[in-house]
Amino acid sequence: MGNLTERQRHILKYARERGEVQVELLAEQLEVTPQTIRRDLNFMCDIRLLQRVHGGAVVHDGVSNLGYEARRRFMAEEKTAIGQVAAELIPDDSSLFINIGTTTEEAARQLTQHRGLLVVTNNINVVHILRQNPSARFMIAGGSVRSEDGGIVGESTAEFIDQFKLDHAIIGVSAIESDGTLLDYDQQEVRVAKAIIKNARVTILVADSVKFERSAPMRIGNISEVDLLVTDKEPPASFRQYCLKNRVDILVANRAQESREAHGA
């Protein structure tokens, strides 16, 4: 980091705190042109401190994930919209898995008015959120608790999940590659995600559009193993074709909301 300018160090600190940086906002804060910020970001991406995304950059994350609070704030509005669409796919009086992730937690927030749910989860935050729903029942997996994000992982966690066959699953991942590969950072978390996919009759993957621009080292499986993808923007054309070939439906949250408004829902 010795070759970074003071401005670039500020950008990197801000990115690590927030999870993302946006060109226009940085230009306004630092009183420079957007072109100057783009040059800074390009340089920092070249030395693998940041990773470019549309309109800005995120912390380079090939082997380790962002902190929980940074992930929770990152793409917050998009995650809320995704969570709303995912929750609308869950009928009352149904059973579902919800795994670890800030986007799955947004889906949980949209389920607080559902009736008669049975929720099996390895995410302590999901239980806290859905405690607001007086008719919901919970079963929480045992295992090792991660204090940083409330996730529960381990071989015993996966074994617990394997006892069930539920109607739905709402799952999140850390990255999605162009060939449909689903990726994450933690081997134990991957084991649990695989068990959830195997034991759900319908699997709903919730993922913001930046997940298509990221990478992670651990393979969960393939998009062909899920039934629906809920995201905030249309994925690349080749990926859409792959989903069509494998009968994976794609719901774009903003479009779904516009459709509801057009029909007065």
C-alpha atoms as a PDB file:
ATOM      1  CA  MET A   1       0.000   0.000   0.000  1.00  0.00           C
ATOM      2  CA  GLY A   2       3.042   2.252   0.070  1.00  0.00           C
ATOM      3  CA  ASN A   3       2.481   3.340  -3.521  1.00  0.00           C
ATOM      4  CA  LEU A   4      -1.061   4.573  -2.899  1.00  0.00           C
ATOM      5  CA  THR A   5      -1.825   8.266  -2.795  1.00  0.00           C
ATOM      6  CA  GLU A   6      -3.634   9.747   0.179  1.00  0.00           C
ATOM      7  CA  ARG A   7      -6.822   9.885  -1.883  1.00  0.00           C
ATOM      8  CA  GLN A   8      -6.491   6.231  -2.885  1.00  0.00           C
ATOM      9  CA  ARG A   9      -5.933   5.204   0.733  1.00  0.00           C
ATOM     10  CA  HIS A  10      -9.121   7.050   1.635  1.00  0.00           C
ATOM     11  CA  ILE A  11     -10.982   5.213  -1.135  1.00  0.00           C
ATOM     12  CA  LEU A  12      -9.691   1.845   0.055  1.00  0.00           C
ATOM     13  CA  LYS A  13     -10.612   2.571   3.695  1.00  0.00           C
ATOM     14  CA  TYR A  14     -14.098   3.634   2.629  1.00  0.00           C
ATOM     15  CA  ALA A  15     -14.495   0.515   0.474  1.00  0.00           C
ATOM     16  CA  ARG A  16     -13.505  -1.776   3.336  1.00  0.00           C
ATOM     17  CA  GLU A  17     -15.958  -0.078   5.680  1.00  0.00           C
ATOM     18  CA  ARG A  18     -18.876  -0.002   3.247  1.00  0.00           C
ATOM     19  CA  GLY A  19     -18.192  -2.961   0.999  1.00  0.00           C
ATOM     20  CA  GLU A  20     -18.456  -0.811  -2.129  1.00  0.00           C
ATOM     21  CA  VAL A  21     -17.541   2.580  -3.576  1.00  0.00           C
ATOM     22  CA  GLN A  22     -19.376   4.548  -6.257  1.00  0.00           C
ATOM     23  CA  VAL A  23     -17.642   6.845  -8.719  1.00  0.00           C
ATOM     24  CA  GLU A  24     -20.063   9.765  -8.559  1.00  0.00           C
ATOM     25  CA  LEU A  25     -20.305   9.764  -4.768  1.00  0.00           C
ATOM     26  CA  LEU A  26     -16.527   9.628  -4.332  1.00  0.00           C
ATOM     27  CA  ALA A  27     -16.023  12.418  -6.847  1.00  0.00           C
ATOM     28  CA  GLU A  28     -18.415  14.619  -4.891  1.00  0.00           C
ATOM     29  CA  GLN A  29     -16.898  13.762  -1.501  1.00  0.00           C
ATOM     30  CA  LEU A  30     -13.284  14.207  -2.601  1.00  0.00           C
ATOM     31  CA  GLU A  31     -13.989  17.202  -4.850  1.00  0.00           C
ATOM     32  CA  VAL A  32     -12.376  15.721  -7.946  1.00  0.00           C
ATOM     33  CA  THR A  33     -13.739  14.700 -11.335  1.00  0.00           C
ATOM     34  CA  PRO A  34     -15.338  11.310 -11.969  1.00  0.00           C
ATOM     35  CA  GLN A  35     -12.529  10.644 -14.460  1.00  0.00           C
ATOM     36  CA  THR A  36      -9.970  11.027 -11.660  1.00  0.00           C
ATOM     37  CA  ILE A  37     -11.869   8.557  -9.483  1.00  0.00           C
ATOM     38  CA  ARG A  38     -12.113   6.080 -12.361  1.00  0.00           C
ATOM     39  CA  ARG A  39      -8.339   6.251 -12.853  1.00  0.00           C
ATOM     40  CA  ASP A  40      -7.842   5.634  -9.120  1.00  0.00           C
ATOM     41  CA  LEU A  41     -10.207   2.668  -9.181  1.00  0.00           C
ATOM     42  CA  ASN A  42      -8.601   1.208 -12.292  1.00  0.00           C
ATOM     43  CA  PHE A  43      -5.173   1.402 -10.664  1.00  0.00           C
ATOM     44  CA  MET A  44      -6.414  -0.179  -7.441  1.00  0.00           C
ATOM     45  CA  CYS A  45      -8.103  -2.939  -9.420  1.00  0.00           C
ATOM     46  CA  ASP A  46      -4.903  -3.564 -11.380  1.00  0.00           C
ATOM     47  CA  ILE A  47      -3.065  -4.261  -8.109  1.00  0.00           C
ATOM     48  CA  ARG A  48      -6.028  -6.373  -6.897  1.00  0.00           C
ATOM     49  CA  LEU A  49      -7.117  -4.209  -3.983  1.00  0.00           C
ATOM     50  CA  LEU A  50     -10.525  -3.582  -5.533  1.00  0.00           C
ATOM     51  CA  GLN A  51     -12.711  -5.211  -8.159  1.00  0.00           C
ATOM     52  CA  ARG A  52     -14.636  -3.113 -10.691  1.00  0.00           C
ATOM     53  CA  VAL A  53     -18.403  -3.324 -10.886  1.00  0.00           C
ATOM     54  CA  HIS A  54     -20.852  -1.134 -12.763  1.00  0.00           C
ATOM     55  CA  GLY A  55     -20.579   2.423 -11.455  1.00  0.00           C
ATOM     56  CA  GLY A  56     -17.794   1.763  -8.974  1.00  0.00           C
ATOM     57  CA  ALA A  57     -15.876  -1.019  -7.253  1.00  0.00           C
ATOM     58  CA  VAL A  58     -16.003  -3.542  -4.425  1.00  0.00           C
ATOM     59  CA  VAL A  59     -13.255  -4.954  -2.234  1.00  0.00           C
ATOM     60  CA  HIS A  60     -11.351  -7.670  -4.073  1.00  0.00           C
ATOM     61  CA  ASP A  61     -12.675 -10.894  -2.625  1.00  0.00           C
ATOM     62  CA  GLY A  62     -11.174 -13.939  -4.271  1.00  0.00           C
ATOM     63  CA  VAL A  63     -10.524 -15.856  -1.044  1.00  0.00           C
ATOM     64  CA  SER A  64     -12.274 -14.021   1.795  1.00  0.00           C
ATOM     65  CA  ASN A  65     -15.678 -12.416   2.157  1.00  0.00           C
ATOM     66  CA  LEU A  66     -16.538  -8.901   3.272  1.00  0.00           C
ATOM     67  CA  GLY A  67     -17.467  -8.379   6.907  1.00  0.00           C
ATOM     68  CA  TYR A  68     -21.099  -8.928   7.868  1.00  0.00           C
ATOM     69  CA  GLU A  69     -21.993  -5.260   8.405  1.00  0.00           C
ATOM     70  CA  ALA A  70     -20.399  -4.255   5.095  1.00  0.00           C
ATOM     71  CA  ARG A  71     -22.335  -7.000   3.313  1.00  0.00           C
ATOM     72  CA  ARG A  72     -25.571  -5.989   5.025  1.00  0.00           C
ATOM     73  CA  ARG A  73     -25.239  -2.373   3.840  1.00  0.00           C
ATOM     74  CA  PHE A  74     -24.024  -3.296   0.354  1.00  0.00           C
ATOM     75  CA  MET A  75     -26.835  -3.241  -2.271  1.00  0.00           C
ATOM     76  CA  ALA A  76     -29.323  -2.861   0.605  1.00  0.00           C
ATOM     77  CA  GLU A  77     -32.233  -1.547  -1.479  1.00  0.00           C
ATOM     78  CA  GLU A  78     -31.741  -4.233  -4.100  1.00  0.00           C
ATOM     79  CA  LYS A  79     -31.657  -6.948  -1.444  1.00  0.00           C
ATOM     80  CA  THR A  80     -34.906  -5.663   0.043  1.00  0.00           C
ATOM     81  CA  ALA A  81     -36.587  -5.822  -3.374  1.00  0.00           C
ATOM     82  CA  ILE A  82     -35.210  -9.322  -3.972  1.00  0.00           C
ATOM     83  CA  GLY A  83     -36.395 -10.452  -0.548  1.00  0.00           C
ATOM     84  CA  GLN A  84     -39.891  -9.158  -1.206  1.00  0.00           C
ATOM     85  CA  VAL A  85     -40.215 -11.094  -4.464  1.00  0.00           C
ATOM     86  CA  ALA A  86     -38.814 -14.267  -2.890  1.00  0.00           C
ATOM     87  CA  ALA A  87     -41.229 -14.036   0.041  1.00  0.00           C
ATOM     88  CA  GLU A  88     -44.179 -13.715  -2.331  1.00  0.00           C
ATOM     89  CA  LEU A  89     -43.276 -17.133  -3.728  1.00  0.00           C
ATOM     90  CA  ILE A  90     -43.787 -18.759  -0.311  1.00  0.00           C
ATOM     91  CA  PRO A  91     -47.413 -19.681   0.462  1.00  0.00           C
ATOM     92  CA  ASP A  92     -48.924 -19.693   3.931  1.00  0.00           C
ATOM     93  CA  ASP A  93     -48.814 -22.988   5.841  1.00  0.00           C
ATOM     94  CA  SER A  94     -45.625 -24.163   4.146  1.00  0.00           C
ATOM     95  CA  SER A  95     -42.223 -25.350   5.311  1.00  0.00           C
ATOM     96  CA  LEU A  96     -38.910 -23.883   4.226  1.00  0.00           C
ATOM     97  CA  PHE A  97     -35.179 -23.725   4.776  1.00  0.00           C
ATOM     98  CA  ILE A  98     -33.406 -20.359   5.015  1.00  0.00           C
ATOM     99  CA  ASN A  99     -29.614 -20.348   5.049  1.00  0.00           C
ATOM    100  CA  ILE A 100     -26.889 -17.860   5.956  1.00  0.00           C
ATOM    101  CA  GLY A 101     -26.762 -14.534   4.128  1.00  0.00           C
ATOM    102  CA  THR A 102     -27.808 -10.912   4.192  1.00  0.00           C
ATOM    103  CA  THR A 103     -30.147 -11.380   1.207  1.00  0.00           C
ATOM    104  CA  THR A 104     -31.859 -14.397   2.762  1.00  0.00           C
ATOM    105  CA  GLU A 105     -32.337 -12.299   5.900  1.00  0.00           C
ATOM    106  CA  GLU A 106     -34.136  -9.674   3.806  1.00  0.00           C
ATOM    107  CA  ALA A 107     -36.437 -12.422   2.547  1.00  0.00           C
ATOM    108  CA  ALA A 108     -37.099 -13.409   6.168  1.00  0.00           C
ATOM    109  CA  ARG A 109     -38.111  -9.816   6.966  1.00  0.00           C
ATOM    110  CA  GLN A 110     -40.759 -10.059   4.252  1.00  0.00           C
ATOM    111  CA  LEU A 111     -42.159 -13.273   5.760  1.00  0.00           C
ATOM    112  CA  THR A 112     -43.240 -11.788   9.088  1.00  0.00           C
ATOM    113  CA  GLN A 113     -46.897 -11.560   7.965  1.00  0.00           C
ATOM    114  CA  HIS A 114     -47.113 -15.095   6.564  1.00  0.00           C
ATOM    115  CA  ARG A 115     -49.229 -17.613   8.484  1.00  0.00           C
ATOM    116  CA  GLY A 116     -48.371 -21.112   9.604  1.00  0.00           C
ATOM    117  CA  LEU A 117     -44.744 -21.301   8.488  1.00  0.00           C
ATOM    118  CA  LEU A 118     -42.295 -23.963   9.627  1.00  0.00           C
ATOM    119  CA  VAL A 119     -38.774 -22.559   9.211  1.00  0.00           C
ATOM    120  CA  VAL A 120     -35.615 -24.658   9.493  1.00  0.00           C
ATOM    121  CA  THR A 121     -32.476 -22.534   9.512  1.00  0.00           C
ATOM    122  CA  ASN A 122     -28.796 -22.367  10.348  1.00  0.00           C
ATOM    123  CA  ASN A 123     -28.981 -18.578  10.714  1.00  0.00           C
ATOM    124  CA  ILE A 124     -29.589 -17.105  14.173  1.00  0.00           C
ATOM    125  CA  ASN A 125     -30.490 -13.734  12.623  1.00  0.00           C
ATOM    126  CA  VAL A 126     -33.394 -15.354  10.756  1.00  0.00           C
ATOM    127  CA  VAL A 127     -34.847 -16.586  14.048  1.00  0.00           C
ATOM    128  CA  HIS A 128     -34.577 -13.112  15.593  1.00  0.00           C
ATOM    129  CA  ILE A 129     -36.295 -11.586  12.551  1.00  0.00           C
ATOM    130  CA  LEU A 130     -39.133 -14.112  12.344  1.00  0.00           C
ATOM    131  CA  ARG A 131     -39.846 -13.992  16.079  1.00  0.00           C
ATOM    132  CA  GLN A 132     -42.087 -11.082  15.040  1.00  0.00           C
ATOM    133  CA  ASN A 133     -44.342 -13.653  13.343  1.00  0.00           C
ATOM    134  CA  PRO A 134     -46.470 -15.202  16.117  1.00  0.00           C
ATOM    135  CA  SER A 135     -47.677 -18.124  13.995  1.00  0.00           C
ATOM    136  CA  ALA A 136     -44.259 -19.237  12.733  1.00  0.00           C
ATOM    137  CA  ARG A 137     -42.477 -22.272  14.156  1.00  0.00           C
ATOM    138  CA  PHE A 138     -38.692 -22.645  14.098  1.00  0.00           C
ATOM    139  CA  MET A 139     -36.144 -25.388  14.179  1.00  0.00           C
ATOM    140  CA  ILE A 140     -32.558 -24.205  14.387  1.00  0.00           C
ATOM    141  CA  ALA A 141     -29.650 -26.435  13.467  1.00  0.00           C
ATOM    142  CA  GLY A 142     -26.905 -27.241  15.932  1.00  0.00           C
ATOM    143  CA  GLY A 143     -23.235 -26.745  15.205  1.00  0.00           C
ATOM    144  CA  SER A 144     -20.529 -24.111  15.536  1.00  0.00           C
ATOM    145  CA  VAL A 145     -21.874 -20.553  15.810  1.00  0.00           C
ATOM    146  CA  ARG A 146     -20.013 -17.819  13.926  1.00  0.00           C
ATOM    147  CA  SER A 147     -20.186 -14.740  16.124  1.00  0.00           C
ATOM    148  CA  GLU A 148     -19.526 -12.352  13.243  1.00  0.00           C
ATOM    149  CA  ASP A 149     -22.715 -13.169  11.305  1.00  0.00           C
ATOM    150  CA  GLY A 150     -24.872 -15.526  13.382  1.00  0.00           C
ATOM    151  CA  GLY A 151     -24.316 -18.454  11.034  1.00  0.00           C
ATOM    152  CA  ILE A 152     -24.250 -22.040  12.280  1.00  0.00           C
ATOM    153  CA  VAL A 153     -22.018 -24.462  10.396  1.00  0.00           C
ATOM    154  CA  GLY A 154     -20.381 -27.851  10.714  1.00  0.00           C
ATOM    155  CA  GLU A 155     -20.943 -31.503   9.946  1.00  0.00           C
ATOM    156  CA  SER A 156     -23.633 -31.784  12.626  1.00  0.00           C
ATOM    157  CA  THR A 157     -25.451 -28.841  10.997  1.00  0.00           C
ATOM    158  CA  ALA A 158     -25.608 -30.628   7.655  1.00  0.00           C
ATOM    159  CA  GLU A 159     -26.699 -33.863   9.356  1.00  0.00           C
ATOM    160  CA  PHE A 160     -29.545 -31.958  11.030  1.00  0.00           C
ATOM    161  CA  ILE A 161     -30.685 -30.555   7.667  1.00  0.00           C
ATOM    162  CA  ASP A 162     -30.625 -34.060   6.177  1.00  0.00           C
ATOM    163  CA  GLN A 163     -33.443 -35.112   8.539  1.00  0.00           C
ATOM    164  CA  PHE A 164     -35.966 -32.941   6.671  1.00  0.00           C
ATOM    165  CA  LYS A 165     -37.748 -32.773   3.336  1.00  0.00           C
ATOM    166  CA  LEU A 166     -39.347 -29.316   3.093  1.00  0.00           C
ATOM    167  CA  ASP A 167     -41.504 -27.472   0.573  1.00  0.00           C
ATOM    168  CA  HIS A 168     -39.121 -24.621  -0.205  1.00  0.00           C
ATOM    169  CA  ALA A 169     -35.639 -23.272   0.389  1.00  0.00           C
ATOM    170  CA  ILE A 170     -34.439 -19.684   0.162  1.00  0.00           C
ATOM    171  CA  ILE A 171     -30.677 -19.743  -0.235  1.00  0.00           C
ATOM    172  CA  GLY A 172     -27.910 -17.248  -0.902  1.00  0.00           C
ATOM    173  CA  VAL A 173     -24.452 -17.683  -2.404  1.00  0.00           C
ATOM    174  CA  SER A 174     -21.353 -15.489  -2.612  1.00  0.00           C
ATOM    175  CA  ALA A 175     -20.697 -15.684  -6.353  1.00  0.00           C
ATOM    176  CA  ILE A 176     -22.175 -17.047  -9.592  1.00  0.00           C
ATOM    177  CA  GLU A 177     -19.956 -17.827 -12.568  1.00  0.00           C
ATOM    178  CA  SER A 178     -20.991 -17.543 -16.214  1.00  0.00           C
ATOM    179  CA  ASP A 179     -21.256 -21.346 -16.552  1.00  0.00           C
ATOM    180  CA  GLY A 180     -23.774 -21.457 -13.692  1.00  0.00           C
ATOM    181  CA  THR A 181     -21.351 -22.534 -10.970  1.00  0.00           C
ATOM    182  CA  LEU A 182     -22.461 -21.403  -7.492  1.00  0.00           C
ATOM    183  CA  LEU A 183     -19.610 -20.441  -5.172  1.00  0.00           C
ATOM    184  CA  ASP A 184     -18.964 -19.581  -1.537  1.00  0.00           C
ATOM    185  CA  TYR A 185     -16.048 -18.989   0.844  1.00  0.00           C
ATOM    186  CA  ASP A 186     -16.500 -21.448   3.694  1.00  0.00           C
ATOM    187  CA  GLN A 187     -16.261 -25.204   3.187  1.00  0.00           C
ATOM    188  CA  GLN A 188     -18.560 -25.961   6.120  1.00  0.00           C
ATOM    189  CA  GLU A 189     -21.147 -23.471   4.880  1.00  0.00           C
ATOM    190  CA  VAL A 190     -20.990 -25.082   1.444  1.00  0.00           C
ATOM    191  CA  ARG A 191     -21.741 -28.493   2.966  1.00  0.00           C
ATOM    192  CA  VAL A 192     -24.875 -27.102   4.614  1.00  0.00           C
ATOM    193  CA  ALA A 193     -26.008 -25.321   1.433  1.00  0.00           C
ATOM    194  CA  LYS A 194     -25.705 -28.573  -0.524  1.00  0.00           C
ATOM    195  CA  ALA A 195     -27.828 -30.370   2.068  1.00  0.00           C
ATOM    196  CA  ILE A 196     -30.500 -27.665   1.875  1.00  0.00           C
ATOM    197  CA  ILE A 197     -30.696 -27.848  -1.927  1.00  0.00           C
ATOM    198  CA  LYS A 198     -30.953 -31.649  -1.781  1.00  0.00           C
ATOM    199  CA  ASN A 199     -33.767 -31.618   0.782  1.00  0.00           C
ATOM    200  CA  ALA A 200     -35.995 -28.859  -0.632  1.00  0.00           C
ATOM    201  CA  ARG A 201     -38.719 -29.556  -3.168  1.00  0.00           C
ATOM    202  CA  VAL A 202     -38.365 -26.040  -4.618  1.00  0.00           C
ATOM    203  CA  THR A 203     -35.146 -24.042  -4.217  1.00  0.00           C
ATOM    204  CA  ILE A 204     -35.170 -20.257  -4.631  1.00  0.00           C
ATOM    205  CA  LEU A 205     -31.759 -18.634  -5.056  1.00  0.00           C
ATOM    206  CA  VAL A 206     -31.631 -14.964  -4.029  1.00  0.00           C
ATOM    207  CA  ALA A 207     -28.638 -13.050  -5.389  1.00  0.00           C
ATOM    208  CA  ASP A 208     -27.952  -9.417  -6.221  1.00  0.00           C
ATOM    209  CA  SER A 209     -26.457  -8.667  -9.633  1.00  0.00           C
ATOM    210  CA  VAL A 210     -22.947  -8.045  -8.271  1.00  0.00           C
ATOM    211  CA  LYS A 211     -22.715 -11.779  -7.504  1.00  0.00           C
ATOM    212  CA  PHE A 212     -22.234 -12.275 -11.261  1.00  0.00           C
ATOM    213  CA  GLU A 213     -19.087 -10.121 -11.117  1.00  0.00           C
ATOM    214  CA  ARG A 214     -17.454 -11.786  -8.106  1.00  0.00           C
ATOM    215  CA  SER A 215     -15.530 -14.968  -7.375  1.00  0.00           C
ATOM    216  CA  ALA A 216     -15.087 -17.323  -4.420  1.00  0.00           C
ATOM    217  CA  PRO A 217     -13.040 -20.498  -3.933  1.00  0.00           C
ATOM    218  CA  MET A 218     -15.584 -23.145  -2.839  1.00  0.00           C
ATOM    219  CA  ARG A 219     -18.057 -24.834  -5.185  1.00  0.00           C
ATOM    220  CA  ILE A 220     -21.625 -25.384  -3.948  1.00  0.00           C
ATOM    221  CA  GLY A 221     -23.089 -26.714  -7.176  1.00  0.00           C
ATOM    222  CA  ASN A 222     -24.716 -25.353 -10.312  1.00  0.00           C
ATOM    223  CA  ILE A 223     -27.641 -23.070 -11.040  1.00  0.00           C
ATOM    224  CA  SER A 224     -29.287 -26.054 -12.760  1.00  0.00           C
ATOM    225  CA  GLU A 225     -29.853 -27.537  -9.284  1.00  0.00           C
ATOM    226  CA  VAL A 226     -32.194 -24.713  -8.241  1.00  0.00           C
ATOM    227  CA  ASP A 227     -35.671 -23.855  -9.498  1.00  0.00           C
ATOM    228  CA  LEU A 228     -35.780 -20.059  -9.427  1.00  0.00           C
ATOM    229  CA  LEU A 229     -33.305 -17.199  -9.340  1.00  0.00           C
ATOM    230  CA  VAL A 230     -34.449 -13.867  -7.921  1.00  0.00           C
ATOM    231  CA  THR A 231     -32.099 -10.987  -8.685  1.00  0.00           C
ATOM    232  CA  ASP A 232     -32.227  -7.214  -9.225  1.00  0.00           C
ATOM    233  CA  LYS A 233     -31.032  -6.983 -12.859  1.00  0.00           C
ATOM    234  CA  GLU A 234     -31.165  -9.169 -15.941  1.00  0.00           C
ATOM    235  CA  PRO A 235     -28.157 -11.517 -15.925  1.00  0.00           C
ATOM    236  CA  PRO A 236     -25.915 -11.722 -19.014  1.00  0.00           C
ATOM    237  CA  ALA A 237     -27.584 -13.173 -22.124  1.00  0.00           C
ATOM    238  CA  SER A 238     -25.491 -16.349 -22.163  1.00  0.00           C
ATOM    239  CA  PHE A 239     -26.410 -17.038 -18.537  1.00  0.00           C
ATOM    240  CA  ARG A 240     -30.107 -16.483 -19.271  1.00  0.00           C
ATOM    241  CA  GLN A 241     -29.881 -18.993 -22.111  1.00  0.00           C
ATOM    242  CA  TYR A 242     -28.217 -21.499 -19.798  1.00  0.00           C
ATOM    243  CA  CYS A 243     -31.022 -21.054 -17.259  1.00  0.00           C
ATOM    244  CA  LEU A 244     -33.646 -21.453 -19.983  1.00  0.00           C
ATOM    245  CA  LYS A 245     -31.991 -24.674 -21.154  1.00  0.00           C
ATOM    246  CA  ASN A 246     -32.003 -26.013 -17.591  1.00  0.00           C
ATOM    247  CA  ARG A 247     -35.539 -24.830 -16.785  1.00  0.00           C
ATOM    248  CA  VAL A 248     -34.457 -22.336 -14.154  1.00  0.00           C
ATOM    249  CA  ASP A 249     -36.848 -19.389 -13.941  1.00  0.00           C
ATOM    250  CA  ILE A 250     -35.389 -15.898 -13.469  1.00  0.00           C
ATOM    251  CA  LEU A 251     -37.363 -13.197 -11.669  1.00  0.00           C
ATOM    252  CA  VAL A 252     -35.996  -9.643 -11.762  1.00  0.00           C
ATOM    253  CA  ALA A 253     -37.160  -7.887  -8.611  1.00  0.00           C
ATOM    254  CA  ASN A 254     -37.641  -4.393 -10.034  1.00  0.00           C
ATOM    255  CA  ARG A 255     -39.633  -5.724 -12.976  1.00  0.00           C
ATOM    256  CA  ALA A 256     -41.793  -7.835 -10.701  1.00  0.00           C
ATOM    257  CA  GLN A 257     -42.563  -4.762  -8.595  1.00  0.00           C
ATOM    258  CA  GLU A 258     -43.423  -2.697 -11.689  1.00  0.00           C
ATOM    259  CA  SER A 259     -45.766  -5.463 -12.858  1.00  0.00           C
ATOM    260  CA  ARG A 260     -47.570  -5.471  -9.497  1.00  0.00           C
ATOM    261  CA  GLU A 261     -47.976  -1.694  -9.592  1.00  0.00           C
ATOM    262  CA  ALA A 262     -49.293  -1.811 -13.157  1.00  0.00           C
ATOM    263  CA  HIS A 263     -51.963  -4.283 -12.079  1.00  0.00           C
ATOM    264  CA  GLY A 264     -52.840  -2.318  -8.952  1.00  0.00           C
ATOM    265  CA  ALA A 265     -51.525  -4.985  -6.604  1.00  0.00           C
END
